[in-house]
Amino acid sequence: MIIAAGIAFALIVVTLIIVMLLRRQLREKYAILWLLIGITILILSIFPSLLIGLSAFLGVAVPSNLIFALSIVLLVGVTLHLSWELSQAEDEIRRVAEEVAILRTSVEKLEARGDTDALPAPADRISTRTDTNDEH
């Protein structure tokens, strides 16, 4: 019964990852990691003796303790990676916001001078709207 539940869980995880990948809700670089995790769960569910053998090889007394230890290592790794990605995104957002502010100031100066010939057509200009309820 427990083996069947593990197999079912692993199949659900792998299916969910594939569906999210096909719908472009998950990027490929993250999908690879999660597919590896799902396939590992599936293999360990089908062949629980592998976990027992790996636990004995590593000197872990209880196989479930090995799963918990590996899960903690995985979660710390994912957390560090996502923190790094978030830092990179914040830097990019700050840079883009600064560029938009500079461009907006340049446009306002050109408009104030009456030099509208140097401005792009209104449809081509950067939107100065500040609301975030835009339709996608």
Protein backbone atom coordinates (compact mmCIF):
# COMPACT_ATOMS: atom_id res chain seq x y z
CA MET A 1 0.00 0.00 0.00
CA ILE A 2 2.78 2.45 0.90
CA ILE A 3 4.68 1.58 -2.27
CA ALA A 4 1.58 2.25 -4.37
CA ALA A 5 1.08 5.61 -2.63
CA GLY A 6 4.72 6.55 -3.32
CA ILE A 7 4.40 5.56 -6.97
CA ALA A 8 1.14 7.51 -7.30
CA PHE A 9 2.71 10.59 -5.65
CA ALA A 10 5.74 10.43 -7.94
CA LEU A 11 3.57 10.08 -11.04
CA ILE A 12 1.44 13.05 -9.93
CA VAL A 13 4.56 15.17 -9.38
CA VAL A 14 6.06 14.26 -12.77
CA THR A 15 2.71 14.83 -14.53
CA LEU A 16 2.24 18.20 -12.83
CA ILE A 17 5.74 19.30 -13.82
CA ILE A 18 5.19 18.29 -17.45
CA VAL A 19 1.81 20.07 -17.57
CA MET A 20 3.31 23.25 -16.06
CA LEU A 21 6.18 23.07 -18.53
CA LEU A 22 3.86 22.67 -21.52
CA ARG A 23 1.72 25.60 -20.33
CA ARG A 24 4.89 27.67 -19.91
CA GLN A 25 4.17 28.16 -16.21
CA LEU A 26 7.56 26.66 -15.28
CA ARG A 27 10.87 27.47 -16.93
CA GLU A 28 13.00 24.66 -18.32
CA LYS A 29 15.91 25.28 -15.97
CA TYR A 30 13.64 24.62 -12.98
CA ALA A 31 11.72 21.81 -14.65
CA ILE A 32 14.87 19.73 -15.07
CA LEU A 33 15.54 19.82 -11.33
CA TRP A 34 11.95 18.95 -10.45
CA LEU A 35 11.78 16.18 -13.05
CA LEU A 36 14.93 14.66 -11.57
CA ILE A 37 13.38 14.81 -8.12
CA GLY A 38 10.12 13.28 -9.36
CA ILE A 39 11.91 10.48 -11.21
CA THR A 40 14.08 9.80 -8.14
CA ILE A 41 10.96 9.55 -5.97
CA LEU A 42 9.43 7.20 -8.56
CA ILE A 43 12.52 4.97 -8.67
CA LEU A 44 12.79 4.83 -4.86
CA SER A 45 9.07 4.05 -4.64
CA ILE A 46 9.34 1.18 -7.12
CA PHE A 47 12.61 -0.15 -5.66
CA PRO A 48 12.66 0.66 -1.91
CA SER A 49 15.65 -1.67 -1.49
CA LEU A 50 17.77 1.00 -3.24
CA LEU A 51 17.06 3.42 -0.39
CA ILE A 52 17.89 0.76 2.18
CA GLY A 53 21.15 -0.07 0.40
CA LEU A 54 22.09 3.60 0.05
CA SER A 55 21.35 4.16 3.74
CA ALA A 56 23.56 1.24 4.71
CA PHE A 57 26.33 2.45 2.38
CA LEU A 58 26.23 5.97 3.88
CA GLY A 59 25.95 4.66 7.43
CA VAL A 60 22.48 6.05 8.11
CA ALA A 61 20.61 3.80 10.55
CA VAL A 62 17.07 4.58 9.39
CA PRO A 63 16.37 5.05 5.65
CA SER A 64 13.70 7.69 6.31
CA ASN A 65 16.36 9.79 8.06
CA LEU A 66 18.34 9.78 4.82
CA ILE A 67 15.29 11.05 2.93
CA PHE A 68 14.80 13.85 5.48
CA ALA A 69 18.48 14.82 5.37
CA LEU A 70 18.50 14.89 1.55
CA SER A 71 15.25 16.87 1.57
CA ILE A 72 16.77 19.48 3.88
CA VAL A 73 19.86 19.77 1.66
CA LEU A 74 17.62 20.11 -1.40
CA LEU A 75 15.45 22.77 0.22
CA VAL A 76 18.48 24.78 1.33
CA GLY A 77 19.89 24.57 -2.21
CA VAL A 78 16.60 25.65 -3.80
CA THR A 79 16.24 28.50 -1.29
CA LEU A 80 19.75 29.77 -2.00
CA HIS A 81 19.22 29.55 -5.75
CA LEU A 82 15.89 31.40 -5.61
CA SER A 83 17.43 34.07 -3.36
CA TRP A 84 20.17 34.55 -5.94
CA GLU A 85 17.60 34.75 -8.76
CA LEU A 86 15.55 37.28 -6.78
CA SER A 87 18.64 39.44 -6.20
CA GLN A 88 19.41 39.38 -9.92
CA ALA A 89 15.81 40.31 -10.77
CA GLU A 90 15.81 43.19 -8.25
CA ASP A 91 19.00 44.58 -9.80
CA GLU A 92 17.48 44.34 -13.29
CA ILE A 93 14.23 45.99 -12.16
CA ARG A 94 16.17 48.83 -10.52
CA ARG A 95 18.26 49.34 -13.68
CA VAL A 96 15.20 49.38 -15.95
CA ALA A 97 13.34 51.76 -13.61
CA GLU A 98 16.32 54.13 -13.69
CA GLU A 99 16.45 54.00 -17.51
CA VAL A 100 12.71 54.69 -17.75
CA ALA A 101 13.06 57.63 -15.36
CA ILE A 102 15.91 59.07 -17.45
CA LEU A 103 13.95 58.61 -20.68
CA ARG A 104 10.82 60.13 -19.16
CA THR A 105 12.82 63.15 -18.01
CA SER A 106 14.32 63.54 -21.48
CA VAL A 107 10.86 63.40 -23.08
CA GLU A 108 9.48 65.97 -20.62
CA LYS A 109 12.40 68.32 -21.34
CA LEU A 110 11.85 67.99 -25.09
CA GLU A 111 8.13 68.63 -24.65
CA ALA A 112 8.85 71.69 -22.47
CA ARG A 113 11.15 73.12 -25.15
CA GLY A 114 8.48 72.54 -27.75
CA ASP A 115 10.81 70.29 -29.71
CA THR A 116 8.13 67.77 -30.55
CA ASP A 117 9.76 66.88 -33.88
CA ALA A 118 12.46 65.00 -31.96
CA LEU A 119 9.83 62.90 -30.15
CA PRO A 120 8.56 59.62 -31.54
CA ALA A 121 4.91 59.33 -32.57
CA PRO A 122 2.57 59.06 -29.55
CA ALA A 123 1.85 55.38 -30.28
CA ASP A 124 5.59 54.61 -30.12
CA ARG A 125 6.27 56.46 -26.88
CA ILE A 126 6.79 54.80 -23.55
CA SER A 127 3.61 54.64 -21.53
CA THR A 128 3.69 56.93 -18.51
CA ARG A 129 0.74 55.17 -16.91
CA THR A 130 1.39 54.13 -13.35
CA ASP A 131 -1.57 51.80 -12.79
CA THR A 132 -0.76 48.09 -12.65
CA ASN A 133 -4.11 46.78 -13.82
CA ASP A 134 -3.04 46.37 -17.45
CA GLU A 135 -4.64 43.50 -19.34
CA HIS A 136 -2.16 40.92 -20.67
